[in-house]
Amino acid sequence: MTEAQLLEQVTELAKWLGLLVYHTRDSRRSQPGFPDLILAGRRGVIFAELKSATGQLSSHQHAWKWTLLASGQDWRLYQPADWESGLIYAELRAIA
């Protein structure tokens, strides 16, 4: 599963669960490293970075990760294995 395919799957699931979904379509003009998705529901918000099975976080993505976590936000790295295991479904359902 590619990162683009994972993005499509997670986005569709989030919408099906009734979550608000934000994704910057063209990140070339955005701050580097900002998470791929913001998923918001009545019970919480998740900042999610999506990667293929072999994808690695950039230094800017690490900076966003640690800053969001330090401020008490839920930041997640989602990869295809997380989709296959049901982890993404469980976490999105928990905030819906």
N, C-alpha and C. Protein backbone atom coordinates (compact mmCIF):
# COMPACT_ATOMS: atom_id res chain seq x y z
N MET A 1 0.85 -1.18 0.00
CA MET A 1 0.00 0.00 0.00
C MET A 1 0.89 1.24 0.00
N THR A 2 0.65 2.15 -0.93
CA THR A 2 1.43 3.38 -0.99
C THR A 2 0.90 4.38 0.04
N GLU A 3 1.66 5.43 0.25
CA GLU A 3 1.21 6.49 1.15
C GLU A 3 -0.09 7.13 0.63
N ALA A 4 -0.17 7.32 -0.67
CA ALA A 4 -1.38 7.91 -1.27
C ALA A 4 -2.59 7.00 -1.05
N GLN A 5 -2.40 5.71 -1.18
CA GLN A 5 -3.50 4.77 -0.95
C GLN A 5 -3.93 4.77 0.51
N LEU A 6 -2.95 4.83 1.41
CA LEU A 6 -3.24 4.90 2.84
C LEU A 6 -4.01 6.18 3.16
N LEU A 7 -3.58 7.29 2.58
CA LEU A 7 -4.28 8.56 2.77
C LEU A 7 -5.74 8.44 2.35
N GLU A 8 -5.98 7.85 1.21
CA GLU A 8 -7.35 7.69 0.72
C GLU A 8 -8.17 6.82 1.67
N GLN A 9 -7.61 5.73 2.13
CA GLN A 9 -8.32 4.82 3.03
C GLN A 9 -8.65 5.50 4.36
N VAL A 10 -7.67 6.16 4.95
CA VAL A 10 -7.88 6.82 6.25
C VAL A 10 -8.89 7.95 6.11
N THR A 11 -8.78 8.72 5.05
CA THR A 11 -9.71 9.83 4.82
C THR A 11 -11.15 9.31 4.67
N GLU A 12 -11.33 8.27 3.88
CA GLU A 12 -12.67 7.70 3.70
C GLU A 12 -13.23 7.15 5.00
N LEU A 13 -12.41 6.44 5.76
CA LEU A 13 -12.85 5.92 7.05
C LEU A 13 -13.25 7.05 7.99
N ALA A 14 -12.43 8.08 8.06
CA ALA A 14 -12.72 9.21 8.95
C ALA A 14 -14.06 9.86 8.58
N LYS A 15 -14.29 10.06 7.31
CA LYS A 15 -15.55 10.66 6.87
C LYS A 15 -16.72 9.74 7.21
N TRP A 16 -16.55 8.44 7.01
CA TRP A 16 -17.60 7.47 7.33
C TRP A 16 -17.94 7.50 8.81
N LEU A 17 -16.92 7.73 9.66
CA LEU A 17 -17.13 7.81 11.11
C LEU A 17 -17.67 9.18 11.55
N GLY A 18 -17.79 10.11 10.62
CA GLY A 18 -18.31 11.43 10.94
C GLY A 18 -17.28 12.40 11.48
N LEU A 19 -16.00 12.12 11.25
CA LEU A 19 -14.94 13.01 11.71
C LEU A 19 -14.73 14.14 10.71
N LEU A 20 -14.26 15.26 11.22
CA LEU A 20 -13.78 16.33 10.34
C LEU A 20 -12.36 15.97 9.94
N VAL A 21 -12.04 16.19 8.67
CA VAL A 21 -10.73 15.82 8.14
C VAL A 21 -10.12 17.02 7.44
N TYR A 22 -8.86 17.31 7.78
CA TYR A 22 -8.12 18.35 7.06
C TYR A 22 -6.85 17.73 6.49
N HIS A 23 -6.61 18.01 5.22
CA HIS A 23 -5.39 17.57 4.55
C HIS A 23 -4.95 18.68 3.60
N THR A 24 -3.71 19.13 3.71
CA THR A 24 -3.18 20.12 2.78
C THR A 24 -2.88 19.42 1.47
N ARG A 25 -3.59 19.80 0.43
CA ARG A 25 -3.43 19.13 -0.87
C ARG A 25 -2.08 19.40 -1.52
N ASP A 26 -1.60 20.63 -1.40
CA ASP A 26 -0.33 21.00 -2.02
C ASP A 26 0.56 21.59 -0.93
N SER A 27 1.43 20.77 -0.37
CA SER A 27 2.22 21.20 0.78
C SER A 27 3.45 22.03 0.42
N ARG A 28 3.68 22.27 -0.86
CA ARG A 28 4.88 23.01 -1.27
C ARG A 28 4.91 24.43 -0.72
N ARG A 29 3.76 25.01 -0.42
CA ARG A 29 3.70 26.37 0.12
C ARG A 29 3.41 26.40 1.62
N SER A 30 3.43 25.24 2.24
CA SER A 30 3.14 25.14 3.67
C SER A 30 4.43 24.99 4.47
N GLN A 31 4.30 25.14 5.78
CA GLN A 31 5.44 24.92 6.66
C GLN A 31 5.91 23.47 6.52
N PRO A 32 7.20 23.23 6.37
CA PRO A 32 7.67 21.85 6.23
C PRO A 32 7.41 21.03 7.48
N GLY A 33 7.02 19.79 7.27
CA GLY A 33 6.86 18.85 8.37
C GLY A 33 5.49 18.79 9.00
N PHE A 34 4.58 19.70 8.63
CA PHE A 34 3.26 19.69 9.26
C PHE A 34 2.58 18.35 8.95
N PRO A 35 1.87 17.76 9.92
CA PRO A 35 1.26 16.45 9.71
C PRO A 35 0.33 16.40 8.50
N ASP A 36 0.23 15.21 7.91
CA ASP A 36 -0.59 15.01 6.72
C ASP A 36 -2.07 15.24 6.97
N LEU A 37 -2.55 14.79 8.13
CA LEU A 37 -3.98 14.87 8.42
C LEU A 37 -4.23 15.41 9.81
N ILE A 38 -5.32 16.17 9.93
CA ILE A 38 -5.89 16.49 11.23
C ILE A 38 -7.27 15.85 11.21
N LEU A 39 -7.51 14.99 12.18
CA LEU A 39 -8.76 14.24 12.29
C LEU A 39 -9.43 14.67 13.59
N ALA A 40 -10.62 15.25 13.49
CA ALA A 40 -11.27 15.80 14.67
C ALA A 40 -12.67 15.22 14.85
N GLY A 41 -12.94 14.79 16.08
CA GLY A 41 -14.24 14.26 16.44
C GLY A 41 -14.69 14.84 17.76
N ARG A 42 -15.85 14.42 18.22
CA ARG A 42 -16.39 14.92 19.48
C ARG A 42 -15.54 14.54 20.68
N ARG A 43 -14.75 13.48 20.55
CA ARG A 43 -13.96 13.00 21.68
C ARG A 43 -12.46 13.18 21.52
N GLY A 44 -12.06 13.98 20.55
CA GLY A 44 -10.63 14.21 20.43
C GLY A 44 -10.17 14.59 19.04
N VAL A 45 -8.88 14.88 18.98
CA VAL A 45 -8.23 15.28 17.73
C VAL A 45 -6.94 14.48 17.60
N ILE A 46 -6.67 14.01 16.40
CA ILE A 46 -5.43 13.31 16.11
C ILE A 46 -4.71 14.04 14.98
N PHE A 47 -3.43 14.33 15.20
CA PHE A 47 -2.55 14.83 14.15
C PHE A 47 -1.83 13.59 13.61
N ALA A 48 -2.03 13.28 12.34
CA ALA A 48 -1.50 12.03 11.80
C ALA A 48 -0.53 12.28 10.65
N GLU A 49 0.61 11.64 10.76
CA GLU A 49 1.59 11.60 9.67
C GLU A 49 1.46 10.22 9.03
N LEU A 50 1.36 10.18 7.71
CA LEU A 50 1.21 8.91 7.00
C LEU A 50 2.49 8.60 6.23
N LYS A 51 2.88 7.34 6.29
CA LYS A 51 4.08 6.89 5.58
C LYS A 51 3.84 5.51 5.00
N SER A 52 4.51 5.21 3.92
CA SER A 52 4.51 3.84 3.40
C SER A 52 5.25 2.97 4.41
N ALA A 53 5.29 1.68 4.14
CA ALA A 53 5.95 0.75 5.06
C ALA A 53 7.43 1.09 5.25
N THR A 54 8.05 1.71 4.26
CA THR A 54 9.47 2.03 4.34
C THR A 54 9.74 3.53 4.52
N GLY A 55 8.69 4.33 4.60
CA GLY A 55 8.86 5.78 4.71
C GLY A 55 9.48 6.20 6.05
N GLN A 56 10.24 7.27 6.01
CA GLN A 56 10.93 7.79 7.19
C GLN A 56 10.50 9.23 7.45
N LEU A 57 10.47 9.62 8.72
CA LEU A 57 10.15 11.00 9.07
C LEU A 57 11.33 11.91 8.78
N SER A 58 11.03 13.09 8.27
CA SER A 58 12.07 14.11 8.07
C SER A 58 12.37 14.80 9.40
N SER A 59 13.41 15.60 9.43
CA SER A 59 13.73 16.33 10.67
C SER A 59 12.61 17.30 11.03
N HIS A 60 11.98 17.92 10.03
CA HIS A 60 10.87 18.83 10.30
C HIS A 60 9.66 18.06 10.85
N GLN A 61 9.42 16.87 10.33
CA GLN A 61 8.32 16.05 10.84
C GLN A 61 8.58 15.62 12.28
N HIS A 62 9.82 15.31 12.60
CA HIS A 62 10.18 14.98 13.98
C HIS A 62 9.93 16.18 14.89
N ALA A 63 10.27 17.36 14.43
CA ALA A 63 10.06 18.57 15.25
C ALA A 63 8.58 18.76 15.54
N TRP A 64 7.72 18.61 14.54
CA TRP A 64 6.27 18.72 14.75
C TRP A 64 5.80 17.63 15.71
N LYS A 65 6.28 16.42 15.51
CA LYS A 65 5.90 15.31 16.39
C LYS A 65 6.18 15.63 17.84
N TRP A 66 7.41 15.98 18.15
CA TRP A 66 7.80 16.19 19.54
C TRP A 66 7.14 17.43 20.14
N THR A 67 6.93 18.46 19.35
CA THR A 67 6.26 19.66 19.85
C THR A 67 4.80 19.37 20.16
N LEU A 68 4.12 18.69 19.25
CA LEU A 68 2.71 18.35 19.50
C LEU A 68 2.57 17.42 20.70
N LEU A 69 3.40 16.41 20.79
CA LEU A 69 3.34 15.50 21.94
C LEU A 69 3.64 16.22 23.25
N ALA A 70 4.63 17.10 23.24
CA ALA A 70 4.99 17.84 24.46
C ALA A 70 3.87 18.75 24.93
N SER A 71 3.04 19.20 23.98
CA SER A 71 1.94 20.09 24.34
C SER A 71 0.66 19.31 24.68
N GLY A 72 0.76 17.98 24.71
CA GLY A 72 -0.37 17.15 25.10
C GLY A 72 -1.30 16.74 23.98
N GLN A 73 -0.87 16.96 22.75
CA GLN A 73 -1.71 16.59 21.60
C GLN A 73 -1.47 15.13 21.22
N ASP A 74 -2.45 14.55 20.54
CA ASP A 74 -2.31 13.18 20.03
C ASP A 74 -1.71 13.24 18.64
N TRP A 75 -0.49 12.77 18.52
CA TRP A 75 0.21 12.70 17.23
C TRP A 75 0.43 11.22 16.92
N ARG A 76 0.17 10.83 15.69
CA ARG A 76 0.34 9.44 15.31
C ARG A 76 1.09 9.32 13.99
N LEU A 77 1.88 8.28 13.89
CA LEU A 77 2.47 7.87 12.62
C LEU A 77 1.70 6.64 12.18
N TYR A 78 1.00 6.75 11.06
CA TYR A 78 0.23 5.62 10.52
C TYR A 78 0.93 5.07 9.28
N GLN A 79 1.06 3.75 9.27
CA GLN A 79 1.64 3.03 8.15
C GLN A 79 0.67 1.91 7.73
N PRO A 80 0.89 1.30 6.57
CA PRO A 80 -0.03 0.26 6.11
C PRO A 80 -0.31 -0.85 7.14
N ALA A 81 0.67 -1.23 7.91
CA ALA A 81 0.47 -2.27 8.92
C ALA A 81 -0.56 -1.85 9.96
N ASP A 82 -0.64 -0.55 10.24
CA ASP A 82 -1.62 -0.05 11.20
C ASP A 82 -3.04 -0.13 10.63
N TRP A 83 -3.16 0.02 9.32
CA TRP A 83 -4.46 -0.15 8.67
C TRP A 83 -4.86 -1.63 8.72
N GLU A 84 -3.93 -2.49 8.35
CA GLU A 84 -4.21 -3.93 8.28
C GLU A 84 -4.53 -4.52 9.65
N SER A 85 -3.90 -4.02 10.71
CA SER A 85 -4.13 -4.54 12.06
C SER A 85 -5.42 -4.03 12.69
N GLY A 86 -6.02 -2.99 12.11
CA GLY A 86 -7.22 -2.40 12.70
C GLY A 86 -6.93 -1.27 13.68
N LEU A 87 -5.66 -0.96 13.89
CA LEU A 87 -5.30 0.11 14.83
C LEU A 87 -5.90 1.45 14.43
N ILE A 88 -5.81 1.80 13.16
CA ILE A 88 -6.33 3.09 12.69
C ILE A 88 -7.83 3.15 12.93
N TYR A 89 -8.53 2.09 12.58
CA TYR A 89 -9.98 2.06 12.80
C TYR A 89 -10.30 2.29 14.28
N ALA A 90 -9.61 1.58 15.17
CA ALA A 90 -9.86 1.69 16.60
C ALA A 90 -9.60 3.10 17.12
N GLU A 91 -8.51 3.71 16.68
CA GLU A 91 -8.17 5.05 17.17
C GLU A 91 -9.12 6.11 16.63
N LEU A 92 -9.52 5.99 15.38
CA LEU A 92 -10.46 6.96 14.82
C LEU A 92 -11.85 6.77 15.44
N ARG A 93 -12.24 5.56 15.64
CA ARG A 93 -13.54 5.31 16.27
C ARG A 93 -13.57 5.87 17.69
N ALA A 94 -12.44 5.82 18.38
CA ALA A 94 -12.37 6.32 19.76
C ALA A 94 -12.59 7.83 19.85
N ILE A 95 -12.27 8.56 18.81
CA ILE A 95 -12.46 10.03 18.86
C ILE A 95 -13.75 10.47 18.18
N ALA A 96 -14.44 9.55 17.51
CA ALA A 96 -15.65 9.90 16.77
C ALA A 96 -16.80 10.28 17.70
